[in-house]
N, C-alpha and C. Protein backbone atom coordinates (compact mmCIF):
# COMPACT_ATOMS: atom_id res chain seq x y z
N UNK A 1 -9.13 24.47 12.31
CA UNK A 1 -9.74 23.18 12.11
C UNK A 1 -11.25 23.30 12.31
N UNK A 2 -12.00 22.65 11.47
CA UNK A 2 -13.44 22.61 11.67
C UNK A 2 -13.75 21.31 12.41
N UNK A 3 -14.14 21.45 13.67
CA UNK A 3 -14.42 20.28 14.50
C UNK A 3 -15.86 20.36 14.97
N UNK A 4 -16.64 19.36 14.58
CA UNK A 4 -18.01 19.26 15.05
C UNK A 4 -18.06 18.25 16.17
N UNK A 5 -18.73 18.60 17.25
CA UNK A 5 -18.87 17.68 18.37
C UNK A 5 -20.34 17.59 18.75
N UNK A 6 -20.83 16.36 18.84
CA UNK A 6 -22.20 16.11 19.27
C UNK A 6 -22.16 15.20 20.49
N UNK A 7 -22.82 15.61 21.53
CA UNK A 7 -22.91 14.79 22.73
C UNK A 7 -24.28 14.13 22.77
N UNK A 8 -24.34 12.88 22.31
CA UNK A 8 -25.58 12.11 22.31
C UNK A 8 -25.63 11.17 23.51
N UNK A 9 -24.69 11.34 24.44
CA UNK A 9 -24.66 10.52 25.66
C UNK A 9 -25.45 11.25 26.74
N UNK A 10 -25.61 10.59 27.88
CA UNK A 10 -26.28 11.22 29.02
C UNK A 10 -25.29 11.92 29.94
N UNK A 11 -24.01 11.93 29.57
CA UNK A 11 -22.95 12.51 30.39
C UNK A 11 -22.71 13.97 30.04
N UNK A 12 -22.48 14.77 31.06
CA UNK A 12 -22.02 16.14 30.86
C UNK A 12 -20.51 16.09 30.72
N UNK A 13 -20.00 16.53 29.59
CA UNK A 13 -18.56 16.49 29.31
C UNK A 13 -18.09 17.88 28.92
N UNK A 14 -16.82 18.13 29.10
CA UNK A 14 -16.24 19.42 28.72
C UNK A 14 -15.98 19.40 27.21
N UNK A 15 -17.02 19.71 26.47
CA UNK A 15 -16.94 19.65 25.01
C UNK A 15 -15.91 20.63 24.46
N UNK A 16 -15.81 21.79 25.08
CA UNK A 16 -14.84 22.79 24.64
C UNK A 16 -13.42 22.25 24.77
N UNK A 17 -13.12 21.57 25.87
CA UNK A 17 -11.79 21.00 26.08
C UNK A 17 -11.50 19.89 25.07
N UNK A 18 -12.48 19.04 24.82
CA UNK A 18 -12.29 17.94 23.86
C UNK A 18 -11.99 18.50 22.47
N UNK A 19 -12.74 19.51 22.06
CA UNK A 19 -12.50 20.13 20.75
C UNK A 19 -11.14 20.81 20.70
N UNK A 20 -10.79 21.51 21.77
CA UNK A 20 -9.50 22.20 21.84
C UNK A 20 -8.34 21.20 21.73
N UNK A 21 -8.45 20.10 22.44
CA UNK A 21 -7.40 19.09 22.41
C UNK A 21 -7.30 18.43 21.04
N UNK A 22 -8.42 18.13 20.42
CA UNK A 22 -8.40 17.54 19.08
C UNK A 22 -7.74 18.51 18.09
N UNK A 23 -8.10 19.78 18.19
CA UNK A 23 -7.51 20.81 17.33
C UNK A 23 -6.01 20.90 17.56
N UNK A 24 -5.59 20.94 18.82
CA UNK A 24 -4.17 21.00 19.16
C UNK A 24 -3.42 19.80 18.56
N UNK A 25 -3.98 18.62 18.74
CA UNK A 25 -3.32 17.40 18.25
C UNK A 25 -3.19 17.42 16.73
N UNK A 26 -4.24 17.79 16.05
CA UNK A 26 -4.18 17.85 14.58
C UNK A 26 -3.16 18.88 14.11
N UNK A 27 -3.11 20.02 14.78
CA UNK A 27 -2.11 21.04 14.42
C UNK A 27 -0.70 20.53 14.66
N UNK A 28 -0.48 19.86 15.79
CA UNK A 28 0.84 19.31 16.10
C UNK A 28 1.27 18.28 15.05
N UNK A 29 0.30 17.60 14.49
CA UNK A 29 0.60 16.55 13.50
C UNK A 29 0.67 17.09 12.08
N UNK A 30 0.56 18.41 11.92
CA UNK A 30 0.75 19.01 10.61
C UNK A 30 -0.40 18.81 9.65
N UNK A 31 -1.62 18.82 10.17
CA UNK A 31 -2.81 18.69 9.32
C UNK A 31 -3.29 20.08 8.92
N UNK A 32 -3.70 20.22 7.67
CA UNK A 32 -4.14 21.51 7.14
C UNK A 32 -5.22 22.12 8.03
N UNK A 33 -5.11 23.41 8.29
CA UNK A 33 -5.99 24.11 9.22
C UNK A 33 -7.46 24.11 8.79
N UNK A 34 -7.74 23.90 7.52
CA UNK A 34 -9.13 23.88 7.05
C UNK A 34 -9.72 22.48 6.99
N UNK A 35 -9.04 21.51 7.56
CA UNK A 35 -9.54 20.13 7.57
C UNK A 35 -10.69 19.99 8.54
N UNK A 36 -11.43 18.88 8.40
CA UNK A 36 -12.62 18.66 9.21
C UNK A 36 -12.52 17.37 10.02
N UNK A 37 -13.10 17.43 11.21
CA UNK A 37 -13.14 16.29 12.12
C UNK A 37 -14.50 16.29 12.80
N UNK A 38 -15.04 15.10 13.00
CA UNK A 38 -16.30 14.96 13.72
C UNK A 38 -16.06 14.09 14.97
N UNK A 39 -16.61 14.54 16.09
CA UNK A 39 -16.52 13.78 17.34
C UNK A 39 -17.94 13.60 17.87
N UNK A 40 -18.26 12.38 18.23
CA UNK A 40 -19.60 12.08 18.76
C UNK A 40 -19.44 11.29 20.05
N UNK A 41 -20.10 11.74 21.11
CA UNK A 41 -20.14 11.03 22.37
C UNK A 41 -21.46 10.28 22.44
N UNK A 42 -21.38 8.98 22.73
CA UNK A 42 -22.55 8.12 22.64
C UNK A 42 -22.70 7.25 23.89
N UNK A 43 -23.86 6.59 23.99
CA UNK A 43 -24.08 5.66 25.09
C UNK A 43 -23.51 4.29 24.73
N UNK A 44 -23.55 3.38 25.67
CA UNK A 44 -22.95 2.06 25.47
C UNK A 44 -23.64 1.24 24.39
N UNK A 45 -24.95 1.37 24.28
CA UNK A 45 -25.65 0.59 23.25
C UNK A 45 -25.20 1.01 21.85
N UNK A 46 -25.08 2.31 21.62
CA UNK A 46 -24.67 2.79 20.30
C UNK A 46 -23.25 2.36 19.97
N UNK A 47 -22.34 2.47 20.94
CA UNK A 47 -20.95 2.09 20.63
C UNK A 47 -20.83 0.57 20.48
N UNK A 48 -21.66 -0.17 21.21
CA UNK A 48 -21.68 -1.63 21.05
C UNK A 48 -22.12 -1.98 19.63
N UNK A 49 -23.16 -1.32 19.15
CA UNK A 49 -23.66 -1.56 17.79
C UNK A 49 -22.59 -1.21 16.75
N UNK A 50 -21.93 -0.07 16.92
CA UNK A 50 -20.88 0.35 15.99
C UNK A 50 -19.69 -0.61 16.04
N UNK A 51 -19.33 -1.05 17.22
CA UNK A 51 -18.20 -1.96 17.41
C UNK A 51 -18.44 -3.27 16.65
N UNK A 52 -19.67 -3.78 16.73
CA UNK A 52 -20.01 -5.01 16.03
C UNK A 52 -20.09 -4.77 14.52
N UNK A 53 -20.74 -3.70 14.12
CA UNK A 53 -20.94 -3.43 12.69
C UNK A 53 -19.62 -3.20 11.95
N UNK A 54 -18.72 -2.40 12.53
CA UNK A 54 -17.52 -1.99 11.82
C UNK A 54 -16.26 -2.77 12.17
N UNK A 55 -16.22 -3.34 13.37
CA UNK A 55 -15.02 -4.07 13.79
C UNK A 55 -15.28 -5.57 13.95
N UNK A 56 -16.57 -5.94 13.88
CA UNK A 56 -16.98 -7.33 14.06
C UNK A 56 -16.55 -7.85 15.43
N UNK A 57 -16.61 -6.96 16.43
CA UNK A 57 -16.24 -7.31 17.79
C UNK A 57 -17.43 -7.04 18.72
N UNK A 58 -17.75 -7.99 19.59
CA UNK A 58 -18.89 -7.81 20.48
C UNK A 58 -18.56 -6.88 21.64
N UNK A 59 -19.59 -6.27 22.19
CA UNK A 59 -19.44 -5.47 23.39
C UNK A 59 -19.07 -4.02 23.13
N UNK A 60 -19.14 -3.26 24.19
CA UNK A 60 -18.82 -1.83 24.12
C UNK A 60 -17.31 -1.64 24.11
N UNK A 61 -16.90 -0.44 23.79
CA UNK A 61 -15.50 -0.03 23.85
C UNK A 61 -15.49 1.45 24.19
N UNK A 62 -14.30 2.00 24.43
CA UNK A 62 -14.23 3.40 24.85
C UNK A 62 -14.13 4.38 23.69
N UNK A 63 -13.46 3.98 22.60
CA UNK A 63 -13.27 4.89 21.46
C UNK A 63 -13.20 4.09 20.16
N UNK A 64 -13.80 4.65 19.13
CA UNK A 64 -13.68 4.11 17.78
C UNK A 64 -13.29 5.27 16.87
N UNK A 65 -12.47 4.97 15.88
CA UNK A 65 -12.02 5.98 14.92
C UNK A 65 -12.33 5.50 13.51
N UNK A 66 -12.89 6.41 12.71
CA UNK A 66 -13.26 6.10 11.34
C UNK A 66 -12.60 7.12 10.41
N UNK A 67 -11.42 6.78 9.85
CA UNK A 67 -10.75 7.73 8.95
C UNK A 67 -11.54 7.89 7.66
N UNK A 68 -11.45 9.08 7.08
CA UNK A 68 -12.17 9.36 5.84
C UNK A 68 -11.22 9.52 4.65
N UNK A 69 -10.44 10.58 4.64
CA UNK A 69 -9.58 10.86 3.49
C UNK A 69 -8.19 10.25 3.62
N UNK A 70 -8.01 9.35 4.57
CA UNK A 70 -6.73 8.68 4.78
C UNK A 70 -5.57 9.68 4.83
N UNK A 71 -5.76 10.71 5.63
CA UNK A 71 -4.74 11.73 5.79
C UNK A 71 -3.60 11.20 6.64
N UNK A 72 -2.44 11.74 6.42
CA UNK A 72 -1.24 11.34 7.15
C UNK A 72 -0.64 12.56 7.84
N UNK A 73 0.16 12.34 8.89
CA UNK A 73 0.82 13.47 9.54
C UNK A 73 1.65 14.29 8.55
N UNK A 74 1.75 15.57 8.83
CA UNK A 74 2.53 16.51 8.02
C UNK A 74 2.04 16.58 6.57
N UNK A 75 0.73 16.55 6.42
CA UNK A 75 0.15 16.60 5.07
C UNK A 75 -0.51 17.94 4.77
N UNK A 76 -0.22 18.97 5.57
CA UNK A 76 -0.86 20.27 5.37
C UNK A 76 -0.64 20.82 3.97
N UNK A 77 0.53 20.57 3.40
CA UNK A 77 0.83 21.09 2.05
C UNK A 77 -0.07 20.46 1.00
N UNK A 78 -0.65 19.31 1.30
CA UNK A 78 -1.54 18.63 0.35
C UNK A 78 -2.94 19.23 0.36
N UNK A 79 -3.21 20.12 1.29
CA UNK A 79 -4.51 20.77 1.36
C UNK A 79 -5.40 20.17 2.44
N UNK A 80 -6.59 20.76 2.53
CA UNK A 80 -7.55 20.34 3.54
C UNK A 80 -8.22 19.04 3.14
N UNK A 81 -8.76 18.37 4.14
CA UNK A 81 -9.49 17.14 3.90
C UNK A 81 -10.39 16.83 5.08
N UNK A 82 -11.09 15.72 4.95
CA UNK A 82 -11.92 15.23 6.04
C UNK A 82 -11.12 14.17 6.78
N UNK A 83 -10.70 14.51 7.99
CA UNK A 83 -9.86 13.60 8.77
C UNK A 83 -10.66 12.35 9.12
N UNK A 84 -11.88 12.52 9.58
CA UNK A 84 -12.73 11.39 9.90
C UNK A 84 -13.59 11.64 11.11
N UNK A 85 -14.05 10.53 11.71
CA UNK A 85 -14.96 10.57 12.85
C UNK A 85 -14.36 9.82 14.03
N UNK A 86 -14.54 10.40 15.21
CA UNK A 86 -14.17 9.74 16.46
C UNK A 86 -15.46 9.56 17.26
N UNK A 87 -15.66 8.37 17.78
CA UNK A 87 -16.81 8.09 18.62
C UNK A 87 -16.28 7.72 20.01
N UNK A 88 -16.73 8.46 21.01
CA UNK A 88 -16.31 8.24 22.40
C UNK A 88 -17.51 7.77 23.23
N UNK A 89 -17.26 6.89 24.16
CA UNK A 89 -18.31 6.41 25.06
C UNK A 89 -17.93 6.77 26.50
N UNK A 90 -18.47 7.87 27.02
CA UNK A 90 -18.13 8.29 28.38
C UNK A 90 -18.44 7.24 29.45
N UNK A 91 -19.54 6.51 29.32
CA UNK A 91 -19.90 5.50 30.33
C UNK A 91 -18.82 4.42 30.42
N UNK A 92 -18.37 3.95 29.27
CA UNK A 92 -17.33 2.92 29.24
C UNK A 92 -16.01 3.51 29.74
N UNK A 93 -15.71 4.72 29.30
CA UNK A 93 -14.46 5.37 29.69
C UNK A 93 -14.41 5.61 31.19
N UNK A 94 -15.55 5.93 31.79
CA UNK A 94 -15.58 6.18 33.23
C UNK A 94 -15.21 4.91 34.01
N UNK A 95 -15.72 3.78 33.59
CA UNK A 95 -15.40 2.51 34.26
C UNK A 95 -13.99 2.05 33.94
N UNK A 96 -13.53 2.37 32.75
CA UNK A 96 -12.24 1.91 32.24
C UNK A 96 -11.07 2.68 32.84
N UNK A 97 -11.28 3.95 33.13
CA UNK A 97 -10.18 4.83 33.47
C UNK A 97 -9.67 4.70 34.89
N UNK A 98 -8.41 5.01 35.03
CA UNK A 98 -7.76 5.07 36.34
C UNK A 98 -7.57 6.53 36.75
N UNK A 99 -8.32 7.41 36.08
CA UNK A 99 -8.23 8.85 36.32
C UNK A 99 -9.63 9.42 36.18
N UNK A 100 -9.77 10.72 36.32
CA UNK A 100 -11.10 11.33 36.20
C UNK A 100 -11.65 11.10 34.80
N UNK A 101 -12.97 11.18 34.67
CA UNK A 101 -13.59 11.01 33.36
C UNK A 101 -13.07 12.06 32.38
N UNK A 102 -12.92 13.29 32.82
CA UNK A 102 -12.43 14.35 31.93
C UNK A 102 -11.05 13.99 31.36
N UNK A 103 -10.15 13.54 32.23
CA UNK A 103 -8.80 13.18 31.77
C UNK A 103 -8.83 11.94 30.88
N UNK A 104 -9.70 10.99 31.19
CA UNK A 104 -9.82 9.79 30.35
C UNK A 104 -10.34 10.16 28.96
N UNK A 105 -11.31 11.05 28.89
CA UNK A 105 -11.83 11.48 27.58
C UNK A 105 -10.77 12.26 26.80
N UNK A 106 -9.95 13.01 27.50
CA UNK A 106 -8.84 13.71 26.83
C UNK A 106 -7.88 12.68 26.22
N UNK A 107 -7.51 11.69 27.00
CA UNK A 107 -6.61 10.64 26.50
C UNK A 107 -7.22 9.94 25.29
N UNK A 108 -8.49 9.60 25.37
CA UNK A 108 -9.16 8.90 24.27
C UNK A 108 -9.30 9.78 23.03
N UNK A 109 -9.45 11.08 23.24
CA UNK A 109 -9.52 12.00 22.09
C UNK A 109 -8.21 11.98 21.31
N UNK A 110 -7.09 12.12 22.01
CA UNK A 110 -5.79 12.06 21.33
C UNK A 110 -5.60 10.70 20.69
N UNK A 111 -5.95 9.65 21.42
CA UNK A 111 -5.82 8.28 20.90
C UNK A 111 -6.61 8.13 19.60
N UNK A 112 -7.84 8.64 19.60
CA UNK A 112 -8.68 8.56 18.41
C UNK A 112 -8.11 9.33 17.23
N UNK A 113 -7.60 10.53 17.49
CA UNK A 113 -6.99 11.33 16.41
C UNK A 113 -5.79 10.60 15.83
N UNK A 114 -4.96 10.04 16.68
CA UNK A 114 -3.78 9.31 16.19
C UNK A 114 -4.19 8.13 15.30
N UNK A 115 -5.22 7.41 15.70
CA UNK A 115 -5.71 6.30 14.87
C UNK A 115 -6.20 6.82 13.51
N UNK A 116 -6.86 7.96 13.50
CA UNK A 116 -7.35 8.52 12.23
C UNK A 116 -6.22 8.82 11.26
N UNK A 117 -5.05 9.10 11.81
CA UNK A 117 -3.91 9.48 10.97
C UNK A 117 -2.94 8.32 10.74
N UNK A 118 -3.40 7.10 11.02
CA UNK A 118 -2.61 5.93 10.66
C UNK A 118 -1.78 5.31 11.76
N UNK A 119 -1.81 5.89 12.95
CA UNK A 119 -1.05 5.30 14.05
C UNK A 119 -1.80 4.09 14.58
N UNK A 120 -1.05 3.10 15.06
CA UNK A 120 -1.65 1.88 15.57
C UNK A 120 -0.81 1.37 16.73
N UNK A 121 -1.32 0.36 17.42
CA UNK A 121 -0.59 -0.21 18.55
C UNK A 121 -0.69 -1.73 18.57
N UNK A 122 -0.73 -2.33 17.39
CA UNK A 122 -0.81 -3.78 17.31
C UNK A 122 0.55 -4.44 17.57
N UNK A 123 1.60 -3.80 17.16
CA UNK A 123 2.96 -4.29 17.41
C UNK A 123 3.57 -3.46 18.53
N UNK A 124 4.47 -4.05 19.30
CA UNK A 124 5.02 -3.37 20.47
C UNK A 124 5.75 -2.08 20.12
N UNK A 125 6.49 -2.05 19.02
CA UNK A 125 7.20 -0.82 18.65
C UNK A 125 6.21 0.28 18.24
N UNK A 126 5.11 -0.11 17.58
CA UNK A 126 4.07 0.85 17.22
C UNK A 126 3.39 1.40 18.48
N UNK A 127 3.14 0.50 19.43
CA UNK A 127 2.49 0.89 20.68
C UNK A 127 3.35 1.89 21.45
N UNK A 128 4.63 1.60 21.56
CA UNK A 128 5.54 2.49 22.29
C UNK A 128 5.53 3.88 21.64
N UNK A 129 5.65 3.93 20.33
CA UNK A 129 5.69 5.20 19.61
C UNK A 129 4.37 5.96 19.75
N UNK A 130 3.27 5.26 19.56
CA UNK A 130 1.95 5.91 19.62
C UNK A 130 1.65 6.42 21.02
N UNK A 131 1.90 5.61 22.04
CA UNK A 131 1.58 6.01 23.39
C UNK A 131 2.49 7.13 23.88
N UNK A 132 3.72 7.18 23.41
CA UNK A 132 4.61 8.29 23.77
C UNK A 132 4.09 9.59 23.16
N UNK A 133 3.74 9.53 21.90
CA UNK A 133 3.19 10.70 21.22
C UNK A 133 1.91 11.16 21.92
N UNK A 134 1.07 10.22 22.26
CA UNK A 134 -0.18 10.51 22.96
C UNK A 134 0.10 11.25 24.27
N UNK A 135 1.03 10.75 25.05
CA UNK A 135 1.36 11.37 26.33
C UNK A 135 2.01 12.74 26.14
N UNK A 136 2.88 12.86 25.14
CA UNK A 136 3.52 14.16 24.86
C UNK A 136 2.48 15.21 24.50
N UNK A 137 1.52 14.88 23.64
CA UNK A 137 0.50 15.84 23.25
C UNK A 137 -0.37 16.23 24.43
N UNK A 138 -0.73 15.25 25.26
CA UNK A 138 -1.54 15.57 26.44
C UNK A 138 -0.79 16.52 27.37
N UNK A 139 0.46 16.25 27.63
CA UNK A 139 1.24 17.12 28.51
C UNK A 139 1.37 18.52 27.93
N UNK A 140 1.67 18.62 26.65
CA UNK A 140 1.83 19.93 26.01
C UNK A 140 0.53 20.72 26.05
N UNK A 141 -0.58 20.07 25.72
CA UNK A 141 -1.88 20.75 25.71
C UNK A 141 -2.26 21.18 27.12
N UNK A 142 -2.09 20.29 28.08
CA UNK A 142 -2.46 20.61 29.47
C UNK A 142 -1.64 21.77 30.01
N UNK A 143 -0.39 21.89 29.58
CA UNK A 143 0.47 22.99 30.03
C UNK A 143 -0.04 24.34 29.51
N UNK A 144 -0.79 24.33 28.42
CA UNK A 144 -1.34 25.56 27.84
C UNK A 144 -2.67 25.97 28.45
N UNK A 145 -3.28 25.07 29.20
CA UNK A 145 -4.62 25.33 29.74
C UNK A 145 -4.60 26.19 30.99
């Protein structure tokens, strides 16, 4: 997987772990190995601006996902594509989380990847399925570390 990560925030984050987890998640979901993903860590002002511009919602948030080629799980046979962009806000995640910032960013990374591939949590059955998958991927990846 080609994963670009830019840390434009003031936080020191384990960029290698975030990229590794995103790669693991995409592989588990059957995305072509030559696909591309972009991850950007930003401050609260930037994520607030993006949240308003793209979601028409005020205030900061912890993660935003912007799918590009509308890829779906198990689409490796269809070839490579641009999965999309994930924007993470460490400052918001730090206040939001009930765990360390590193673990919260890991959770948000998987959450963002799942959103890029069409998973959602607006309905309770979707939420249960998405959050179970999210937890399974985190446990599997952490066991390999």
